[in-house]
Amino acid sequence: MTTSSPAAEGVRARFDAFVHRYELDPSRPTVAQARRDLVRRTLAPAVGLFAAVVAVGLLIVGPLDSLPGEVVVNEELQKERTPLLNQLTAIWSAVGNTEVIIAGCLLVIALVWWRTRQWWVAVIPGIAVAVQAAVFMLSALVVGRERPDVELLDEAPPTSGFPSGHAGASVAFYVSLALLARRIRRRWLRYLVTTLCVLVPALVAYARLYRGMHHATDVGVGVLNGLVCVALGWRYLQREPAAEPQTLPTRARTNE
């Protein structure tokens, strides 16, 4: 039987402490504390994220001349279009629409709040999506990148192509759900929900490329924007220092 190295065990312990931070410390914060932590631990770092996204975008549209060779990806996908894929990608793309994400957020917040009575946990998907949306909209306004020079299968929204708002929003929402899903006690259901929550953003990202709405870098930066906003949303509230592995909830340690 092989044993993990101390470094690997340390990484696993930190990961478990991050994922289960609201189970390790279920204490109820005050609204004032939550608001203070949100500004300090999420909104302030989001300013740095916005600056980084804008810097990458301006580099692409400026010195890199909008990466003209990148449109090859969209052209190749355009050649592969079929009626069936056109229909499927229309559905996958719609999953990342603003209306769907907002409605999903409201439903999840209400459901988690009802089931757990922990409003400070229930609001996490809303925080992640809102911060992602702010970074996306402001950076798209500043960068102003044109969409790929191929046939667009969707009506282009008023925002520019960089970064992808659909990709970012779907990652922010569904990955937040994947983290919340770690509380599901039935192992098969927990794995099923987690897998679906990871799969959906991948389908949305592919659909946006296939339908000609974004370049690959638009989607890539959109995904990164969503992932960072998930992390900022998940850690928005100050919790007690990470526990040692043996103090994690039994289900978290045994994965049963």
C-alpha atoms as a PDB file:
ATOM      1  CA  MET A   1       0.000   0.000   0.000  1.00  0.00           C
ATOM      2  CA  THR A   2       1.369   3.385  -0.992  1.00  0.00           C
ATOM      3  CA  THR A   3       1.339   6.367   1.337  1.00  0.00           C
ATOM      4  CA  SER A   4       1.036   9.968   0.301  1.00  0.00           C
ATOM      5  CA  SER A   5       3.918  12.346   0.822  1.00  0.00           C
ATOM      6  CA  PRO A   6       3.617  15.028   3.510  1.00  0.00           C
ATOM      7  CA  ALA A   7       3.402  17.667   0.776  1.00  0.00           C
ATOM      8  CA  ALA A   8       0.521  15.848  -0.935  1.00  0.00           C
ATOM      9  CA  GLU A   9      -1.248  15.388   2.393  1.00  0.00           C
ATOM     10  CA  GLY A  10      -0.841  19.094   3.087  1.00  0.00           C
ATOM     11  CA  VAL A  11      -2.350  20.029  -0.270  1.00  0.00           C
ATOM     12  CA  ARG A  12      -5.243  17.623   0.297  1.00  0.00           C
ATOM     13  CA  ALA A  13      -5.837  19.048   3.773  1.00  0.00           C
ATOM     14  CA  ARG A  14      -5.931  22.625   2.459  1.00  0.00           C
ATOM     15  CA  PHE A  15      -8.249  21.609  -0.375  1.00  0.00           C
ATOM     16  CA  ASP A  16     -10.625  19.821   2.006  1.00  0.00           C
ATOM     17  CA  ALA A  17     -10.558  22.794   4.380  1.00  0.00           C
ATOM     18  CA  PHE A  18     -11.446  25.111   1.486  1.00  0.00           C
ATOM     19  CA  VAL A  19     -14.251  22.953   0.109  1.00  0.00           C
ATOM     20  CA  HIS A  20     -15.761  22.199   3.545  1.00  0.00           C
ATOM     21  CA  ARG A  21     -15.066  25.590   5.158  1.00  0.00           C
ATOM     22  CA  TYR A  22     -18.748  26.220   5.915  1.00  0.00           C
ATOM     23  CA  GLU A  23     -19.133  22.787   7.484  1.00  0.00           C
ATOM     24  CA  LEU A  24     -15.972  23.160   9.558  1.00  0.00           C
ATOM     25  CA  ASP A  25     -17.175  26.515  10.854  1.00  0.00           C
ATOM     26  CA  PRO A  26     -21.002  26.766  10.656  1.00  0.00           C
ATOM     27  CA  SER A  27     -21.135  29.799  12.970  1.00  0.00           C
ATOM     28  CA  ARG A  28     -23.705  32.412  12.020  1.00  0.00           C
ATOM     29  CA  PRO A  29     -22.216  35.785  10.999  1.00  0.00           C
ATOM     30  CA  THR A  30     -23.937  39.095  11.469  1.00  0.00           C
ATOM     31  CA  VAL A  31     -25.040  41.004   8.387  1.00  0.00           C
ATOM     32  CA  ALA A  32     -22.459  43.684   9.211  1.00  0.00           C
ATOM     33  CA  GLN A  33     -19.673  41.092   9.414  1.00  0.00           C
ATOM     34  CA  ALA A  34     -20.721  39.501   6.124  1.00  0.00           C
ATOM     35  CA  ARG A  35     -20.846  42.898   4.420  1.00  0.00           C
ATOM     36  CA  ARG A  36     -17.427  43.854   5.782  1.00  0.00           C
ATOM     37  CA  ASP A  37     -15.872  40.548   4.741  1.00  0.00           C
ATOM     38  CA  LEU A  38     -17.474  40.752   1.307  1.00  0.00           C
ATOM     39  CA  VAL A  39     -15.848  44.118   0.631  1.00  0.00           C
ATOM     40  CA  ARG A  40     -12.459  43.111   2.006  1.00  0.00           C
ATOM     41  CA  ARG A  41     -12.180  39.533   0.789  1.00  0.00           C
ATOM     42  CA  THR A  42     -14.129  39.588  -2.499  1.00  0.00           C
ATOM     43  CA  LEU A  43     -14.801  43.037  -3.929  1.00  0.00           C
ATOM     44  CA  ALA A  44     -11.330  44.454  -3.303  1.00  0.00           C
ATOM     45  CA  PRO A  45      -9.548  41.483  -4.966  1.00  0.00           C
ATOM     46  CA  ALA A  46     -12.074  41.689  -7.818  1.00  0.00           C
ATOM     47  CA  VAL A  47     -10.630  45.092  -8.704  1.00  0.00           C
ATOM     48  CA  GLY A  48      -7.293  43.383  -9.307  1.00  0.00           C
ATOM     49  CA  LEU A  49      -9.039  40.708 -11.379  1.00  0.00           C
ATOM     50  CA  PHE A  50     -10.683  43.414 -13.498  1.00  0.00           C
ATOM     51  CA  ALA A  51      -7.316  45.094 -14.067  1.00  0.00           C
ATOM     52  CA  ALA A  52      -5.749  41.784 -15.112  1.00  0.00           C
ATOM     53  CA  VAL A  53      -8.567  40.956 -17.560  1.00  0.00           C
ATOM     54  CA  VAL A  54      -8.388  44.433 -19.093  1.00  0.00           C
ATOM     55  CA  ALA A  55      -4.599  44.194 -19.384  1.00  0.00           C
ATOM     56  CA  VAL A  56      -4.850  40.897 -21.270  1.00  0.00           C
ATOM     57  CA  GLY A  57      -7.612  42.253 -23.488  1.00  0.00           C
ATOM     58  CA  LEU A  58      -5.728  45.427 -24.379  1.00  0.00           C
ATOM     59  CA  LEU A  59      -2.643  43.350 -25.123  1.00  0.00           C
ATOM     60  CA  ILE A  60      -4.678  41.224 -27.541  1.00  0.00           C
ATOM     61  CA  VAL A  61      -6.376  44.094 -29.391  1.00  0.00           C
ATOM     62  CA  GLY A  62      -3.246  46.261 -29.285  1.00  0.00           C
ATOM     63  CA  PRO A  63       0.265  44.841 -29.742  1.00  0.00           C
ATOM     64  CA  LEU A  64      -1.041  41.394 -30.769  1.00  0.00           C
ATOM     65  CA  ASP A  65      -3.325  42.913 -33.442  1.00  0.00           C
ATOM     66  CA  SER A  66      -6.330  40.931 -32.138  1.00  0.00           C
ATOM     67  CA  LEU A  67      -4.547  37.621 -32.878  1.00  0.00           C
ATOM     68  CA  PRO A  68      -5.676  37.346 -36.533  1.00  0.00           C
ATOM     69  CA  GLY A  69      -4.672  33.686 -36.786  1.00  0.00           C
ATOM     70  CA  GLU A  70      -7.041  32.778 -33.972  1.00  0.00           C
ATOM     71  CA  VAL A  71     -10.078  32.927 -36.261  1.00  0.00           C
ATOM     72  CA  VAL A  72      -8.899  29.623 -37.761  1.00  0.00           C
ATOM     73  CA  VAL A  73     -10.517  27.859 -34.802  1.00  0.00           C
ATOM     74  CA  ASN A  74     -13.886  29.427 -35.602  1.00  0.00           C
ATOM     75  CA  GLU A  75     -13.485  28.740 -39.321  1.00  0.00           C
ATOM     76  CA  GLU A  76     -12.791  25.063 -38.692  1.00  0.00           C
ATOM     77  CA  LEU A  77     -15.808  24.801 -36.414  1.00  0.00           C
ATOM     78  CA  GLN A  78     -17.911  26.534 -39.042  1.00  0.00           C
ATOM     79  CA  LYS A  79     -16.960  23.835 -41.535  1.00  0.00           C
ATOM     80  CA  GLU A  80     -18.152  21.174 -39.094  1.00  0.00           C
ATOM     81  CA  ARG A  81     -21.613  22.693 -38.602  1.00  0.00           C
ATOM     82  CA  THR A  82     -24.583  20.374 -38.992  1.00  0.00           C
ATOM     83  CA  PRO A  83     -28.308  20.914 -38.356  1.00  0.00           C
ATOM     84  CA  LEU A  84     -28.142  18.693 -35.282  1.00  0.00           C
ATOM     85  CA  LEU A  85     -25.133  20.482 -33.783  1.00  0.00           C
ATOM     86  CA  ASN A  86     -26.712  23.816 -34.607  1.00  0.00           C
ATOM     87  CA  GLN A  87     -29.746  22.836 -32.515  1.00  0.00           C
ATOM     88  CA  LEU A  88     -27.726  21.355 -29.661  1.00  0.00           C
ATOM     89  CA  THR A  89     -25.343  24.300 -29.403  1.00  0.00           C
ATOM     90  CA  ALA A  90     -28.292  26.699 -29.448  1.00  0.00           C
ATOM     91  CA  ILE A  91     -29.561  24.944 -26.304  1.00  0.00           C
ATOM     92  CA  TRP A  92     -26.110  24.824 -24.691  1.00  0.00           C
ATOM     93  CA  SER A  93     -25.511  28.485 -25.449  1.00  0.00           C
ATOM     94  CA  ALA A  94     -28.901  29.426 -24.000  1.00  0.00           C
ATOM     95  CA  VAL A  95     -27.951  27.752 -20.712  1.00  0.00           C
ATOM     96  CA  GLY A  96     -25.413  30.545 -20.240  1.00  0.00           C
ATOM     97  CA  ASN A  97     -27.873  33.352 -21.043  1.00  0.00           C
ATOM     98  CA  THR A  98     -28.258  36.108 -18.471  1.00  0.00           C
ATOM     99  CA  GLU A  99     -31.919  35.331 -17.859  1.00  0.00           C
ATOM    100  CA  VAL A 100     -31.245  31.640 -17.235  1.00  0.00           C
ATOM    101  CA  ILE A 101     -28.330  32.317 -14.884  1.00  0.00           C
ATOM    102  CA  ILE A 102     -30.236  34.924 -12.879  1.00  0.00           C
ATOM    103  CA  ALA A 103     -33.308  32.699 -12.570  1.00  0.00           C
ATOM    104  CA  GLY A 104     -31.110  29.756 -11.585  1.00  0.00           C
ATOM    105  CA  CYS A 105     -29.322  31.849  -8.959  1.00  0.00           C
ATOM    106  CA  LEU A 106     -32.558  32.997  -7.369  1.00  0.00           C
ATOM    107  CA  LEU A 107     -33.898  29.441  -7.301  1.00  0.00           C
ATOM    108  CA  VAL A 108     -30.722  27.981  -5.790  1.00  0.00           C
ATOM    109  CA  ILE A 109     -30.426  30.740  -3.193  1.00  0.00           C
ATOM    110  CA  ALA A 110     -34.019  30.156  -2.108  1.00  0.00           C
ATOM    111  CA  LEU A 111     -33.600  26.370  -2.045  1.00  0.00           C
ATOM    112  CA  VAL A 112     -30.301  26.332  -0.134  1.00  0.00           C
ATOM    113  CA  TRP A 113     -31.572  28.933   2.311  1.00  0.00           C
ATOM    114  CA  TRP A 114     -34.701  26.863   2.937  1.00  0.00           C
ATOM    115  CA  ARG A 115     -32.825  23.585   3.313  1.00  0.00           C
ATOM    116  CA  THR A 116     -29.913  24.826   5.447  1.00  0.00           C
ATOM    117  CA  ARG A 117     -31.252  27.979   7.126  1.00  0.00           C
ATOM    118  CA  GLN A 118     -27.786  29.404   6.378  1.00  0.00           C
ATOM    119  CA  TRP A 119     -28.304  32.562   4.332  1.00  0.00           C
ATOM    120  CA  TRP A 120     -24.562  33.272   4.363  1.00  0.00           C
ATOM    121  CA  VAL A 121     -23.995  30.063   2.386  1.00  0.00           C
ATOM    122  CA  ALA A 122     -27.065  30.364   0.181  1.00  0.00           C
ATOM    123  CA  VAL A 123     -25.938  33.708  -1.285  1.00  0.00           C
ATOM    124  CA  ILE A 124     -22.584  32.380  -2.550  1.00  0.00           C
ATOM    125  CA  PRO A 125     -23.712  31.600  -6.145  1.00  0.00           C
ATOM    126  CA  GLY A 126     -25.235  35.073  -6.372  1.00  0.00           C
ATOM    127  CA  ILE A 127     -21.992  36.679  -5.208  1.00  0.00           C
ATOM    128  CA  ALA A 128     -19.885  34.707  -7.682  1.00  0.00           C
ATOM    129  CA  VAL A 129     -22.195  35.477 -10.614  1.00  0.00           C
ATOM    130  CA  ALA A 130     -22.564  39.168  -9.729  1.00  0.00           C
ATOM    131  CA  VAL A 131     -18.828  39.746  -9.384  1.00  0.00           C
ATOM    132  CA  GLN A 132     -18.186  37.875 -12.624  1.00  0.00           C
ATOM    133  CA  ALA A 133     -20.789  39.961 -14.415  1.00  0.00           C
ATOM    134  CA  ALA A 134     -19.279  43.224 -13.170  1.00  0.00           C
ATOM    135  CA  VAL A 135     -15.770  42.237 -14.269  1.00  0.00           C
ATOM    136  CA  PHE A 136     -17.048  40.988 -17.625  1.00  0.00           C
ATOM    137  CA  MET A 137     -19.187  44.007 -18.507  1.00  0.00           C
ATOM    138  CA  LEU A 138     -16.644  46.634 -17.488  1.00  0.00           C
ATOM    139  CA  SER A 139     -13.720  44.890 -19.177  1.00  0.00           C
ATOM    140  CA  ALA A 140     -15.754  44.294 -22.364  1.00  0.00           C
ATOM    141  CA  LEU A 141     -16.560  48.001 -22.421  1.00  0.00           C
ATOM    142  CA  VAL A 142     -12.893  48.957 -22.066  1.00  0.00           C
ATOM    143  CA  VAL A 143     -11.404  46.382 -24.446  1.00  0.00           C
ATOM    144  CA  GLY A 144     -13.989  46.487 -27.239  1.00  0.00           C
ATOM    145  CA  ARG A 145     -12.808  43.458 -29.209  1.00  0.00           C
ATOM    146  CA  GLU A 146     -14.664  42.549 -32.396  1.00  0.00           C
ATOM    147  CA  ARG A 147     -16.299  39.154 -32.741  1.00  0.00           C
ATOM    148  CA  PRO A 148     -14.862  36.491 -35.093  1.00  0.00           C
ATOM    149  CA  ASP A 149     -15.182  37.120 -38.831  1.00  0.00           C
ATOM    150  CA  VAL A 150     -17.433  34.129 -39.457  1.00  0.00           C
ATOM    151  CA  GLU A 151     -21.176  33.632 -39.752  1.00  0.00           C
ATOM    152  CA  LEU A 152     -22.723  34.287 -36.344  1.00  0.00           C
ATOM    153  CA  LEU A 153     -25.475  31.855 -35.410  1.00  0.00           C
ATOM    154  CA  ASP A 154     -26.747  34.055 -32.576  1.00  0.00           C
ATOM    155  CA  GLU A 155     -27.650  37.698 -32.410  1.00  0.00           C
ATOM    156  CA  ALA A 156     -24.636  39.547 -31.034  1.00  0.00           C
ATOM    157  CA  PRO A 157     -25.342  41.238 -27.689  1.00  0.00           C
ATOM    158  CA  PRO A 158     -24.353  44.902 -27.249  1.00  0.00           C
ATOM    159  CA  THR A 159     -21.168  43.970 -25.372  1.00  0.00           C
ATOM    160  CA  SER A 160     -17.913  43.282 -27.217  1.00  0.00           C
ATOM    161  CA  GLY A 161     -16.423  39.820 -27.670  1.00  0.00           C
ATOM    162  CA  PHE A 162     -13.786  39.867 -24.913  1.00  0.00           C
ATOM    163  CA  PRO A 163     -14.176  38.152 -22.511  1.00  0.00           C
ATOM    164  CA  SER A 164     -17.022  35.685 -22.986  1.00  0.00           C
ATOM    165  CA  GLY A 165     -19.841  36.546 -20.609  1.00  0.00           C
ATOM    166  CA  HIS A 166     -21.675  33.276 -21.296  1.00  0.00           C
ATOM    167  CA  ALA A 167     -18.611  31.203 -20.405  1.00  0.00           C
ATOM    168  CA  GLY A 168     -17.831  33.267 -17.319  1.00  0.00           C
ATOM    169  CA  ALA A 169     -21.391  33.285 -16.009  1.00  0.00           C
ATOM    170  CA  SER A 170     -21.897  29.554 -16.517  1.00  0.00           C
ATOM    171  CA  VAL A 171     -18.617  28.744 -14.761  1.00  0.00           C
ATOM    172  CA  ALA A 172     -19.400  31.116 -11.874  1.00  0.00           C
ATOM    173  CA  PHE A 173     -22.870  29.638 -11.378  1.00  0.00           C
ATOM    174  CA  TYR A 174     -22.424  25.931 -12.031  1.00  0.00           C
ATOM    175  CA  VAL A 175     -19.037  25.535 -10.316  1.00  0.00           C
ATOM    176  CA  SER A 176     -20.501  27.284  -7.273  1.00  0.00           C
ATOM    177  CA  LEU A 177     -23.256  24.668  -7.377  1.00  0.00           C
ATOM    178  CA  ALA A 178     -20.626  21.933  -7.598  1.00  0.00           C
ATOM    179  CA  LEU A 179     -19.086  23.217  -4.369  1.00  0.00           C
ATOM    180  CA  LEU A 180     -22.475  23.369  -2.668  1.00  0.00           C
ATOM    181  CA  ALA A 181     -23.175  19.847  -3.938  1.00  0.00           C
ATOM    182  CA  ARG A 182     -20.391  18.479  -1.714  1.00  0.00           C
ATOM    183  CA  ARG A 183     -22.969  18.576   1.077  1.00  0.00           C
ATOM    184  CA  ILE A 184     -25.193  16.004  -0.635  1.00  0.00           C
ATOM    185  CA  ARG A 185     -25.072  12.887   1.507  1.00  0.00           C
ATOM    186  CA  ARG A 186     -25.849  10.260  -1.124  1.00  0.00           C
ATOM    187  CA  ARG A 187     -22.554   9.553  -2.829  1.00  0.00           C
ATOM    188  CA  TRP A 188     -23.954   8.709  -6.276  1.00  0.00           C
ATOM    189  CA  LEU A 189     -26.141  11.809  -6.315  1.00  0.00           C
ATOM    190  CA  ARG A 190     -23.263  13.996  -5.139  1.00  0.00           C
ATOM    191  CA  TYR A 191     -21.033  12.730  -7.936  1.00  0.00           C
ATOM    192  CA  LEU A 192     -23.810  13.044 -10.515  1.00  0.00           C
ATOM    193  CA  VAL A 193     -24.625  16.647  -9.608  1.00  0.00           C
ATOM    194  CA  THR A 194     -20.949  17.595  -9.434  1.00  0.00           C
ATOM    195  CA  THR A 195     -20.237  16.047 -12.835  1.00  0.00           C
ATOM    196  CA  LEU A 196     -23.181  17.830 -14.456  1.00  0.00           C
ATOM    197  CA  CYS A 197     -22.177  21.141 -12.895  1.00  0.00           C
ATOM    198  CA  VAL A 198     -18.691  20.805 -14.384  1.00  0.00           C
ATOM    199  CA  LEU A 199     -19.936  19.552 -17.754  1.00  0.00           C
ATOM    200  CA  VAL A 200     -22.442  22.347 -18.408  1.00  0.00           C
ATOM    201  CA  PRO A 201     -19.882  25.211 -18.566  1.00  0.00           C
ATOM    202  CA  ALA A 202     -17.755  23.132 -20.947  1.00  0.00           C
ATOM    203  CA  LEU A 203     -20.746  22.728 -23.273  1.00  0.00           C
ATOM    204  CA  VAL A 204     -21.500  26.453 -23.060  1.00  0.00           C
ATOM    205  CA  ALA A 205     -17.896  27.336 -23.913  1.00  0.00           C
ATOM    206  CA  TYR A 206     -17.883  24.982 -26.899  1.00  0.00           C
ATOM    207  CA  ALA A 207     -21.231  26.335 -28.104  1.00  0.00           C
ATOM    208  CA  ARG A 208     -20.006  29.925 -28.051  1.00  0.00           C
ATOM    209  CA  LEU A 209     -17.007  28.962 -30.198  1.00  0.00           C
ATOM    210  CA  TYR A 210     -19.035  26.756 -32.527  1.00  0.00           C
ATOM    211  CA  ARG A 211     -21.647  29.444 -33.084  1.00  0.00           C
ATOM    212  CA  GLY A 212     -18.968  32.010 -33.938  1.00  0.00           C
ATOM    213  CA  MET A 213     -19.707  34.338 -31.045  1.00  0.00           C
ATOM    214  CA  HIS A 214     -16.218  34.376 -29.511  1.00  0.00           C
ATOM    215  CA  HIS A 215     -12.570  33.724 -30.200  1.00  0.00           C
ATOM    216  CA  ALA A 216     -10.847  30.986 -28.196  1.00  0.00           C
ATOM    217  CA  THR A 217      -9.067  33.536 -25.987  1.00  0.00           C
ATOM    218  CA  ASP A 218     -12.394  35.263 -25.271  1.00  0.00           C
ATOM    219  CA  VAL A 219     -13.753  31.981 -23.970  1.00  0.00           C
ATOM    220  CA  GLY A 220     -10.545  31.070 -22.134  1.00  0.00           C
ATOM    221  CA  VAL A 221     -10.379  34.363 -20.247  1.00  0.00           C
ATOM    222  CA  GLY A 222     -14.118  34.148 -19.589  1.00  0.00           C
ATOM    223  CA  VAL A 223     -13.647  30.726 -17.988  1.00  0.00           C
ATOM    224  CA  LEU A 224     -10.757  32.020 -15.866  1.00  0.00           C
ATOM    225  CA  ASN A 225     -12.847  35.019 -14.834  1.00  0.00           C
ATOM    226  CA  GLY A 226     -15.615  32.672 -13.718  1.00  0.00           C
ATOM    227  CA  LEU A 227     -13.249  30.391 -11.797  1.00  0.00           C
ATOM    228  CA  VAL A 228     -11.603  33.251  -9.923  1.00  0.00           C
ATOM    229  CA  CYS A 229     -15.013  34.680  -9.055  1.00  0.00           C
ATOM    230  CA  VAL A 230     -16.096  31.272  -7.716  1.00  0.00           C
ATOM    231  CA  ALA A 231     -13.051  31.258  -5.439  1.00  0.00           C
ATOM    232  CA  LEU A 232     -13.706  34.851  -4.346  1.00  0.00           C
ATOM    233  CA  GLY A 233     -17.357  34.078  -3.708  1.00  0.00           C
ATOM    234  CA  TRP A 234     -16.694  30.842  -1.839  1.00  0.00           C
ATOM    235  CA  ARG A 235     -14.190  32.485   0.515  1.00  0.00           C
ATOM    236  CA  TYR A 236     -15.999  35.791   0.933  1.00  0.00           C
ATOM    237  CA  LEU A 237     -16.739  35.145   4.586  1.00  0.00           C
ATOM    238  CA  GLN A 238     -13.973  34.932   7.168  1.00  0.00           C
ATOM    239  CA  ARG A 239     -14.001  31.509   8.813  1.00  0.00           C
ATOM    240  CA  GLU A 240     -11.847  29.950  11.501  1.00  0.00           C
ATOM    241  CA  PRO A 241      -8.358  28.795  10.409  1.00  0.00           C
ATOM    242  CA  ALA A 242      -8.348  25.620   8.323  1.00  0.00           C
ATOM    243  CA  ALA A 243      -8.746  22.523  10.431  1.00  0.00           C
ATOM    244  CA  GLU A 244      -6.448  19.534  10.439  1.00  0.00           C
ATOM    245  CA  PRO A 245      -7.617  16.624   8.239  1.00  0.00           C
ATOM    246  CA  GLN A 246      -8.786  14.580  11.212  1.00  0.00           C
ATOM    247  CA  THR A 247     -11.206  17.330  12.267  1.00  0.00           C
ATOM    248  CA  LEU A 248     -13.041  17.361   8.955  1.00  0.00           C
ATOM    249  CA  PRO A 249     -16.604  16.024   8.914  1.00  0.00           C
ATOM    250  CA  THR A 250     -16.742  12.243   8.698  1.00  0.00           C
ATOM    251  CA  ARG A 251     -18.391  12.309   5.256  1.00  0.00           C
ATOM    252  CA  ALA A 252     -15.704  14.648   3.975  1.00  0.00           C
ATOM    253  CA  ARG A 253     -12.938  12.325   5.125  1.00  0.00           C
ATOM    254  CA  THR A 254     -14.480   9.014   4.125  1.00  0.00           C
ATOM    255  CA  ASN A 255     -16.150  10.342   0.956  1.00  0.00           C
ATOM    256  CA  GLU A 256     -19.109   8.086   1.620  1.00  0.00           C
END
